[in-house]
Amino acid sequence: MYLDVQFFPNAVFALDNMLNHGMVELISIKKYLGGRIVTLIVGGSSSDAKAAVDAAREQFSGCSALKNSAVITNPHRELFRVLG
């Protein structure tokens, strides 16, 4: 599961929210454009990842800080090379 968030502080809040709502673990965090876009990659079971993404989407429902999110079930190893 990955999440693209605008600005690093928003990414920290989103990560905290995801870790509290699902049994997921942080796999990778990448900052682009000096921290203006942050990609979080977390792993866990499909149901926990979906709960974590839904919590992050709900957290940012009123603003445009959340740029992209996806839950990918059974990802191929090469996908981590491309995303991370």
PDB file of N, CA and C in Angstrom:
ATOM      1  N   MET A   1       0.837  -1.148   0.000  1.00  0.00           N
ATOM      2  CA  MET A   1       0.000   0.000   0.000  1.00  0.00           C
ATOM      3  C   MET A   1       0.887   1.217   0.000  1.00  0.00           C
ATOM      4  N   TYR A   2       0.531   2.192  -0.801  1.00  0.00           N
ATOM      5  CA  TYR A   2       1.303   3.423  -0.808  1.00  0.00           C
ATOM      6  C   TYR A   2       0.385   4.631  -0.755  1.00  0.00           C
ATOM      7  N   LEU A   3       0.975   5.727  -0.315  1.00  0.00           N
ATOM      8  CA  LEU A   3       0.236   6.954  -0.118  1.00  0.00           C
ATOM      9  C   LEU A   3       1.141   8.108  -0.504  1.00  0.00           C
ATOM     10  N   ASP A   4       0.664   9.006  -1.349  1.00  0.00           N
ATOM     11  CA  ASP A   4       1.386  10.224  -1.711  1.00  0.00           C
ATOM     12  C   ASP A   4       0.710  11.395  -1.019  1.00  0.00           C
ATOM     13  N   VAL A   5       1.490  12.123  -0.224  1.00  0.00           N
ATOM     14  CA  VAL A   5       0.958  13.222   0.575  1.00  0.00           C
ATOM     15  C   VAL A   5       1.776  14.472   0.287  1.00  0.00           C
ATOM     16  N   GLN A   6       1.102  15.602   0.317  1.00  0.00           N
ATOM     17  CA  GLN A   6       1.778  16.872   0.118  1.00  0.00           C
ATOM     18  C   GLN A   6       2.290  17.377   1.465  1.00  0.00           C
ATOM     19  N   PHE A   7       3.576  17.683   1.533  1.00  0.00           N
ATOM     20  CA  PHE A   7       4.285  18.225   2.683  1.00  0.00           C
ATOM     21  C   PHE A   7       4.579  17.157   3.740  1.00  0.00           C
ATOM     22  N   PHE A   8       5.792  17.220   4.269  1.00  0.00           N
ATOM     23  CA  PHE A   8       6.284  16.212   5.206  1.00  0.00           C
ATOM     24  C   PHE A   8       5.487  16.140   6.516  1.00  0.00           C
ATOM     25  N   PRO A   9       5.107  17.261   7.129  1.00  0.00           N
ATOM     26  CA  PRO A   9       4.312  17.145   8.367  1.00  0.00           C
ATOM     27  C   PRO A   9       2.991  16.403   8.156  1.00  0.00           C
ATOM     28  N   ASN A  10       2.336  16.611   7.010  1.00  0.00           N
ATOM     29  CA  ASN A  10       1.108  15.871   6.709  1.00  0.00           C
ATOM     30  C   ASN A  10       1.387  14.382   6.587  1.00  0.00           C
ATOM     31  N   ALA A  11       2.552  14.027   6.033  1.00  0.00           N
ATOM     32  CA  ALA A  11       2.918  12.617   5.903  1.00  0.00           C
ATOM     33  C   ALA A  11       3.108  11.979   7.273  1.00  0.00           C
ATOM     34  N   VAL A  12       3.681  12.718   8.207  1.00  0.00           N
ATOM     35  CA  VAL A  12       3.864  12.190   9.563  1.00  0.00           C
ATOM     36  C   VAL A  12       2.511  11.965  10.224  1.00  0.00           C
ATOM     37  N   PHE A  13       1.592  12.912  10.083  1.00  0.00           N
ATOM     38  CA  PHE A  13       0.253  12.742  10.641  1.00  0.00           C
ATOM     39  C   PHE A  13      -0.475  11.567   9.997  1.00  0.00           C
ATOM     40  N   ALA A  14      -0.340  11.423   8.677  1.00  0.00           N
ATOM     41  CA  ALA A  14      -0.987  10.317   7.979  1.00  0.00           C
ATOM     42  C   ALA A  14      -0.406   8.974   8.423  1.00  0.00           C
ATOM     43  N   LEU A  15       0.906   8.909   8.564  1.00  0.00           N
ATOM     44  CA  LEU A  15       1.544   7.673   9.002  1.00  0.00           C
ATOM     45  C   LEU A  15       1.096   7.295  10.407  1.00  0.00           C
ATOM     46  N   ASP A  16       1.031   8.261  11.303  1.00  0.00           N
ATOM     47  CA  ASP A  16       0.559   7.990  12.660  1.00  0.00           C
ATOM     48  C   ASP A  16      -0.864   7.463  12.644  1.00  0.00           C
ATOM     49  N   ASN A  17      -1.703   8.077  11.837  1.00  0.00           N
ATOM     50  CA  ASN A  17      -3.097   7.647  11.725  1.00  0.00           C
ATOM     51  C   ASN A  17      -3.192   6.232  11.154  1.00  0.00           C
ATOM     52  N   MET A  18      -2.398   5.934  10.138  1.00  0.00           N
ATOM     53  CA  MET A  18      -2.429   4.600   9.533  1.00  0.00           C
ATOM     54  C   MET A  18      -1.931   3.537  10.496  1.00  0.00           C
ATOM     55  N   LEU A  19      -0.880   3.846  11.239  1.00  0.00           N
ATOM     56  CA  LEU A  19      -0.342   2.876  12.194  1.00  0.00           C
ATOM     57  C   LEU A  19      -1.312   2.613  13.340  1.00  0.00           C
ATOM     58  N   ASN A  20      -2.134   3.599  13.676  1.00  0.00           N
ATOM     59  CA  ASN A  20      -3.116   3.419  14.744  1.00  0.00           C
ATOM     60  C   ASN A  20      -4.359   2.669  14.294  1.00  0.00           C
ATOM     61  N   HIS A  21      -4.695   2.725  13.002  1.00  0.00           N
ATOM     62  CA  HIS A  21      -5.933   2.117  12.520  1.00  0.00           C
ATOM     63  C   HIS A  21      -5.753   0.742  11.892  1.00  0.00           C
ATOM     64  N   GLY A  22      -4.556   0.313  11.674  1.00  0.00           N
ATOM     65  CA  GLY A  22      -4.343  -1.004  11.066  1.00  0.00           C
ATOM     66  C   GLY A  22      -3.009  -1.567  11.518  1.00  0.00           C
ATOM     67  N   MET A  23      -2.893  -2.861  11.509  1.00  0.00           N
ATOM     68  CA  MET A  23      -1.638  -3.520  11.889  1.00  0.00           C
ATOM     69  C   MET A  23      -0.708  -3.501  10.677  1.00  0.00           C
ATOM     70  N   VAL A  24      -0.196  -2.328  10.351  1.00  0.00           N
ATOM     71  CA  VAL A  24       0.700  -2.159   9.215  1.00  0.00           C
ATOM     72  C   VAL A  24       2.055  -1.699   9.719  1.00  0.00           C
ATOM     73  N   GLU A  25       3.076  -1.872   8.897  1.00  0.00           N
ATOM     74  CA  GLU A  25       4.412  -1.417   9.247  1.00  0.00           C
ATOM     75  C   GLU A  25       4.969  -0.563   8.118  1.00  0.00           C
ATOM     76  N   LEU A  26       5.782   0.411   8.474  1.00  0.00           N
ATOM     77  CA  LEU A  26       6.397   1.294   7.499  1.00  0.00           C
ATOM     78  C   LEU A  26       7.511   0.543   6.775  1.00  0.00           C
ATOM     79  N   ILE A  27       7.442   0.507   5.454  1.00  0.00           N
ATOM     80  CA  ILE A  27       8.474  -0.139   4.644  1.00  0.00           C
ATOM     81  C   ILE A  27       9.429   0.902   4.081  1.00  0.00           C
ATOM     82  N   SER A  28       8.880   2.002   3.573  1.00  0.00           N
ATOM     83  CA  SER A  28       9.725   3.008   2.942  1.00  0.00           C
ATOM     84  C   SER A  28       9.050   4.371   3.020  1.00  0.00           C
ATOM     85  N   ILE A  29       9.880   5.389   3.088  1.00  0.00           N
ATOM     86  CA  ILE A  29       9.399   6.760   3.002  1.00  0.00           C
ATOM     87  C   ILE A  29      10.371   7.520   2.102  1.00  0.00           C
ATOM     88  N   LYS A  30       9.848   8.177   1.097  1.00  0.00           N
ATOM     89  CA  LYS A  30      10.669   8.926   0.139  1.00  0.00           C
ATOM     90  C   LYS A  30      10.159  10.354   0.054  1.00  0.00           C
ATOM     91  N   LYS A  31      11.079  11.304   0.085  1.00  0.00           N
ATOM     92  CA  LYS A  31      10.726  12.714  -0.057  1.00  0.00           C
ATOM     93  C   LYS A  31      11.147  13.180  -1.449  1.00  0.00           C
ATOM     94  N   TYR A  32      10.254  13.887  -2.110  1.00  0.00           N
ATOM     95  CA  TYR A  32      10.526  14.471  -3.417  1.00  0.00           C
ATOM     96  C   TYR A  32      10.311  15.973  -3.331  1.00  0.00           C
ATOM     97  N   LEU A  33      11.026  16.712  -4.135  1.00  0.00           N
ATOM     98  CA  LEU A  33      10.897  18.177  -4.210  1.00  0.00           C
ATOM     99  C   LEU A  33      11.109  18.812  -2.847  1.00  0.00           C
ATOM    100  N   GLY A  34      12.096  18.336  -2.116  1.00  0.00           N
ATOM    101  CA  GLY A  34      12.417  18.913  -0.820  1.00  0.00           C
ATOM    102  C   GLY A  34      11.376  18.654   0.252  1.00  0.00           C
ATOM    103  N   GLY A  35      10.624  17.585   0.133  1.00  0.00           N
ATOM    104  CA  GLY A  35       9.603  17.259   1.121  1.00  0.00           C
ATOM    105  C   GLY A  35       8.223  17.781   0.790  1.00  0.00           C
ATOM    106  N   ARG A  36       8.073  18.366  -0.398  1.00  0.00           N
ATOM    107  CA  ARG A  36       6.745  18.849  -0.783  1.00  0.00           C
ATOM    108  C   ARG A  36       5.827  17.713  -1.185  1.00  0.00           C
ATOM    109  N   ILE A  37       6.391  16.621  -1.688  1.00  0.00           N
ATOM    110  CA  ILE A  37       5.629  15.399  -1.962  1.00  0.00           C
ATOM    111  C   ILE A  37       6.349  14.264  -1.236  1.00  0.00           C
ATOM    112  N   VAL A  38       5.596  13.506  -0.450  1.00  0.00           N
ATOM    113  CA  VAL A  38       6.166  12.410   0.326  1.00  0.00           C
ATOM    114  C   VAL A  38       5.385  11.137   0.000  1.00  0.00           C
ATOM    115  N   THR A  39       6.119  10.073  -0.319  1.00  0.00           N
ATOM    116  CA  THR A  39       5.509   8.781  -0.604  1.00  0.00           C
ATOM    117  C   THR A  39       5.778   7.855   0.572  1.00  0.00           C
ATOM    118  N   LEU A  40       4.703   7.327   1.150  1.00  0.00           N
ATOM    119  CA  LEU A  40       4.785   6.366   2.240  1.00  0.00           C
ATOM    120  C   LEU A  40       4.395   5.000   1.701  1.00  0.00           C
ATOM    121  N   ILE A  41       5.197   3.990   1.984  1.00  0.00           N
ATOM    122  CA  ILE A  41       4.864   2.619   1.612  1.00  0.00           C
ATOM    123  C   ILE A  41       4.788   1.819   2.898  1.00  0.00           C
ATOM    124  N   VAL A  42       3.631   1.253   3.158  1.00  0.00           N
ATOM    125  CA  VAL A  42       3.427   0.433   4.344  1.00  0.00           C
ATOM    126  C   VAL A  42       2.985  -0.951   3.911  1.00  0.00           C
ATOM    127  N   GLY A  43       3.241  -1.916   4.753  1.00  0.00           N
ATOM    128  CA  GLY A  43       2.874  -3.290   4.443  1.00  0.00           C
ATOM    129  C   GLY A  43       2.086  -3.908   5.570  1.00  0.00           C
ATOM    130  N   GLY A  44       1.341  -4.931   5.233  1.00  0.00           N
ATOM    131  CA  GLY A  44       0.520  -5.653   6.189  1.00  0.00           C
ATOM    132  C   GLY A  44      -0.498  -6.476   5.432  1.00  0.00           C
ATOM    133  N   SER A  45      -1.436  -7.031   6.141  1.00  0.00           N
ATOM    134  CA  SER A  45      -2.476  -7.811   5.466  1.00  0.00           C
ATOM    135  C   SER A  45      -3.373  -6.880   4.653  1.00  0.00           C
ATOM    136  N   SER A  46      -4.106  -7.446   3.721  1.00  0.00           N
ATOM    137  CA  SER A  46      -4.953  -6.635   2.839  1.00  0.00           C
ATOM    138  C   SER A  46      -6.010  -5.861   3.616  1.00  0.00           C
ATOM    139  N   SER A  47      -6.640  -6.502   4.579  1.00  0.00           N
ATOM    140  CA  SER A  47      -7.698  -5.828   5.341  1.00  0.00           C
ATOM    141  C   SER A  47      -7.122  -4.712   6.209  1.00  0.00           C
ATOM    142  N   ASP A  48      -5.958  -4.955   6.813  1.00  0.00           N
ATOM    143  CA  ASP A  48      -5.335  -3.909   7.623  1.00  0.00           C
ATOM    144  C   ASP A  48      -4.866  -2.745   6.756  1.00  0.00           C
ATOM    145  N   ALA A  49      -4.314  -3.033   5.592  1.00  0.00           N
ATOM    146  CA  ALA A  49      -3.869  -1.979   4.685  1.00  0.00           C
ATOM    147  C   ALA A  49      -5.052  -1.152   4.205  1.00  0.00           C
ATOM    148  N   LYS A  50      -6.163  -1.798   3.902  1.00  0.00           N
ATOM    149  CA  LYS A  50      -7.353  -1.074   3.463  1.00  0.00           C
ATOM    150  C   LYS A  50      -7.881  -0.187   4.584  1.00  0.00           C
ATOM    151  N   ALA A  51      -7.885  -0.695   5.818  1.00  0.00           N
ATOM    152  CA  ALA A  51      -8.337   0.110   6.956  1.00  0.00           C
ATOM    153  C   ALA A  51      -7.417   1.313   7.155  1.00  0.00           C
ATOM    154  N   ALA A  52      -6.118   1.117   6.979  1.00  0.00           N
ATOM    155  CA  ALA A  52      -5.159   2.212   7.143  1.00  0.00           C
ATOM    156  C   ALA A  52      -5.343   3.271   6.061  1.00  0.00           C
ATOM    157  N   VAL A  53      -5.537   2.842   4.821  1.00  0.00           N
ATOM    158  CA  VAL A  53      -5.744   3.793   3.718  1.00  0.00           C
ATOM    159  C   VAL A  53      -7.051   4.542   3.898  1.00  0.00           C
ATOM    160  N   ASP A  54      -8.090   3.839   4.293  1.00  0.00           N
ATOM    161  CA  ASP A  54      -9.375   4.502   4.514  1.00  0.00           C
ATOM    162  C   ASP A  54      -9.281   5.547   5.622  1.00  0.00           C
ATOM    163  N   ALA A  55      -8.511   5.248   6.663  1.00  0.00           N
ATOM    164  CA  ALA A  55      -8.321   6.214   7.748  1.00  0.00           C
ATOM    165  C   ALA A  55      -7.584   7.446   7.243  1.00  0.00           C
ATOM    166  N   ALA A  56      -6.565   7.257   6.407  1.00  0.00           N
ATOM    167  CA  ALA A  56      -5.824   8.393   5.861  1.00  0.00           C
ATOM    168  C   ALA A  56      -6.697   9.199   4.899  1.00  0.00           C
ATOM    169  N   ARG A  57      -7.490   8.534   4.085  1.00  0.00           N
ATOM    170  CA  ARG A  57      -8.386   9.256   3.173  1.00  0.00           C
ATOM    171  C   ARG A  57      -9.396  10.082   3.949  1.00  0.00           C
ATOM    172  N   GLU A  58      -9.922   9.514   5.027  1.00  0.00           N
ATOM    173  CA  GLU A  58     -10.891  10.239   5.844  1.00  0.00           C
ATOM    174  C   GLU A  58     -10.232  11.428   6.542  1.00  0.00           C
ATOM    175  N   GLN A  59      -8.986  11.245   6.969  1.00  0.00           N
ATOM    176  CA  GLN A  59      -8.255  12.315   7.634  1.00  0.00           C
ATOM    177  C   GLN A  59      -8.089  13.528   6.723  1.00  0.00           C
ATOM    178  N   PHE A  60      -7.836  13.302   5.452  1.00  0.00           N
ATOM    179  CA  PHE A  60      -7.601  14.381   4.502  1.00  0.00           C
ATOM    180  C   PHE A  60      -8.793  14.632   3.587  1.00  0.00           C
ATOM    181  N   SER A  61      -9.982  14.288   4.023  1.00  0.00           N
ATOM    182  CA  SER A  61     -11.157  14.406   3.154  1.00  0.00           C
ATOM    183  C   SER A  61     -11.518  15.856   2.832  1.00  0.00           C
ATOM    184  N   GLY A  62     -11.195  16.791   3.688  1.00  0.00           N
ATOM    185  CA  GLY A  62     -11.579  18.177   3.458  1.00  0.00           C
ATOM    186  C   GLY A  62     -10.518  19.030   2.805  1.00  0.00           C
ATOM    187  N   CYS A  63      -9.342  18.466   2.536  1.00  0.00           N
ATOM    188  CA  CYS A  63      -8.271  19.275   1.956  1.00  0.00           C
ATOM    189  C   CYS A  63      -7.608  18.518   0.806  1.00  0.00           C
ATOM    190  N   SER A  64      -6.673  19.173   0.165  1.00  0.00           N
ATOM    191  CA  SER A  64      -6.039  18.576  -1.009  1.00  0.00           C
ATOM    192  C   SER A  64      -4.643  18.027  -0.714  1.00  0.00           C
ATOM    193  N   ALA A  65      -4.333  17.729   0.548  1.00  0.00           N
ATOM    194  CA  ALA A  65      -2.995  17.251   0.905  1.00  0.00           C
ATOM    195  C   ALA A  65      -2.740  15.830   0.417  1.00  0.00           C
ATOM    196  N   LEU A  66      -3.764  15.012   0.338  1.00  0.00           N
ATOM    197  CA  LEU A  66      -3.618  13.638  -0.142  1.00  0.00           C
ATOM    198  C   LEU A  66      -3.663  13.641  -1.665  1.00  0.00           C
ATOM    199  N   LYS A  67      -2.569  13.245  -2.281  1.00  0.00           N
ATOM    200  CA  LYS A  67      -2.479  13.287  -3.738  1.00  0.00           C
ATOM    201  C   LYS A  67      -2.861  11.965  -4.386  1.00  0.00           C
ATOM    202  N   ASN A  68      -2.464  10.840  -3.789  1.00  0.00           N
ATOM    203  CA  ASN A  68      -2.724   9.541  -4.398  1.00  0.00           C
ATOM    204  C   ASN A  68      -2.605   8.475  -3.318  1.00  0.00           C
ATOM    205  N   SER A  69      -3.385   7.410  -3.458  1.00  0.00           N
ATOM    206  CA  SER A  69      -3.276   6.286  -2.540  1.00  0.00           C
ATOM    207  C   SER A  69      -3.763   5.032  -3.240  1.00  0.00           C
ATOM    208  N   ALA A  70      -3.218   3.901  -2.820  1.00  0.00           N
ATOM    209  CA  ALA A  70      -3.622   2.631  -3.417  1.00  0.00           C
ATOM    210  C   ALA A  70      -3.290   1.489  -2.476  1.00  0.00           C
ATOM    211  N   VAL A  71      -4.134   0.479  -2.503  1.00  0.00           N
ATOM    212  CA  VAL A  71      -3.867  -0.777  -1.808  1.00  0.00           C
ATOM    213  C   VAL A  71      -3.606  -1.811  -2.891  1.00  0.00           C
ATOM    214  N   ILE A  72      -2.436  -2.397  -2.860  1.00  0.00           N
ATOM    215  CA  ILE A  72      -2.045  -3.369  -3.872  1.00  0.00           C
ATOM    216  C   ILE A  72      -1.897  -4.722  -3.184  1.00  0.00           C
ATOM    217  N   THR A  73      -2.785  -5.642  -3.503  1.00  0.00           N
ATOM    218  CA  THR A  73      -2.714  -6.962  -2.895  1.00  0.00           C
ATOM    219  C   THR A  73      -1.728  -7.828  -3.662  1.00  0.00           C
ATOM    220  N   ASN A  74      -0.894  -8.536  -2.925  1.00  0.00           N
ATOM    221  CA  ASN A  74       0.098  -9.453  -3.484  1.00  0.00           C
ATOM    222  C   ASN A  74       0.985  -8.775  -4.538  1.00  0.00           C
ATOM    223  N   PRO A  75       1.726  -7.731  -4.142  1.00  0.00           N
ATOM    224  CA  PRO A  75       2.556  -7.013  -5.115  1.00  0.00           C
ATOM    225  C   PRO A  75       3.778  -7.821  -5.527  1.00  0.00           C
ATOM    226  N   HIS A  76       4.209  -7.616  -6.741  1.00  0.00           N
ATOM    227  CA  HIS A  76       5.420  -8.258  -7.255  1.00  0.00           C
ATOM    228  C   HIS A  76       6.630  -7.539  -6.678  1.00  0.00           C
ATOM    229  N   ARG A  77       7.741  -8.233  -6.494  1.00  0.00           N
ATOM    230  CA  ARG A  77       8.957  -7.644  -5.910  1.00  0.00           C
ATOM    231  C   ARG A  77       9.470  -6.460  -6.729  1.00  0.00           C
ATOM    232  N   GLU A  78       9.328  -6.498  -8.031  1.00  0.00           N
ATOM    233  CA  GLU A  78       9.808  -5.408  -8.880  1.00  0.00           C
ATOM    234  C   GLU A  78       9.031  -4.119  -8.644  1.00  0.00           C
ATOM    235  N   LEU A  79       7.831  -4.229  -8.160  1.00  0.00           N
ATOM    236  CA  LEU A  79       7.028  -3.040  -7.890  1.00  0.00           C
ATOM    237  C   LEU A  79       7.671  -2.191  -6.794  1.00  0.00           C
ATOM    238  N   PHE A  80       8.279  -2.814  -5.799  1.00  0.00           N
ATOM    239  CA  PHE A  80       8.952  -2.067  -4.734  1.00  0.00           C
ATOM    240  C   PHE A  80      10.158  -1.316  -5.289  1.00  0.00           C
ATOM    241  N   ARG A  81      10.823  -1.880  -6.286  1.00  0.00           N
ATOM    242  CA  ARG A  81      11.958  -1.202  -6.898  1.00  0.00           C
ATOM    243  C   ARG A  81      11.492   0.054  -7.632  1.00  0.00           C
ATOM    244  N   VAL A  82      10.352  -0.026  -8.279  1.00  0.00           N
ATOM    245  CA  VAL A  82       9.827   1.120  -9.025  1.00  0.00           C
ATOM    246  C   VAL A  82       9.285   2.189  -8.059  1.00  0.00           C
ATOM    247  N   LEU A  83       8.527   1.785  -7.044  1.00  0.00           N
ATOM    248  CA  LEU A  83       7.929   2.734  -6.110  1.00  0.00           C
ATOM    249  C   LEU A  83       8.929   3.280  -5.105  1.00  0.00           C
ATOM    250  N   GLY A  84       9.866   2.464  -4.695  1.00  0.00           N
ATOM    251  CA  GLY A  84      10.769   2.877  -3.623  1.00  0.00           C
ATOM    252  C   GLY A  84      12.090   3.211  -4.146  1.00  0.00           C
TER     253      GLY A  84
END
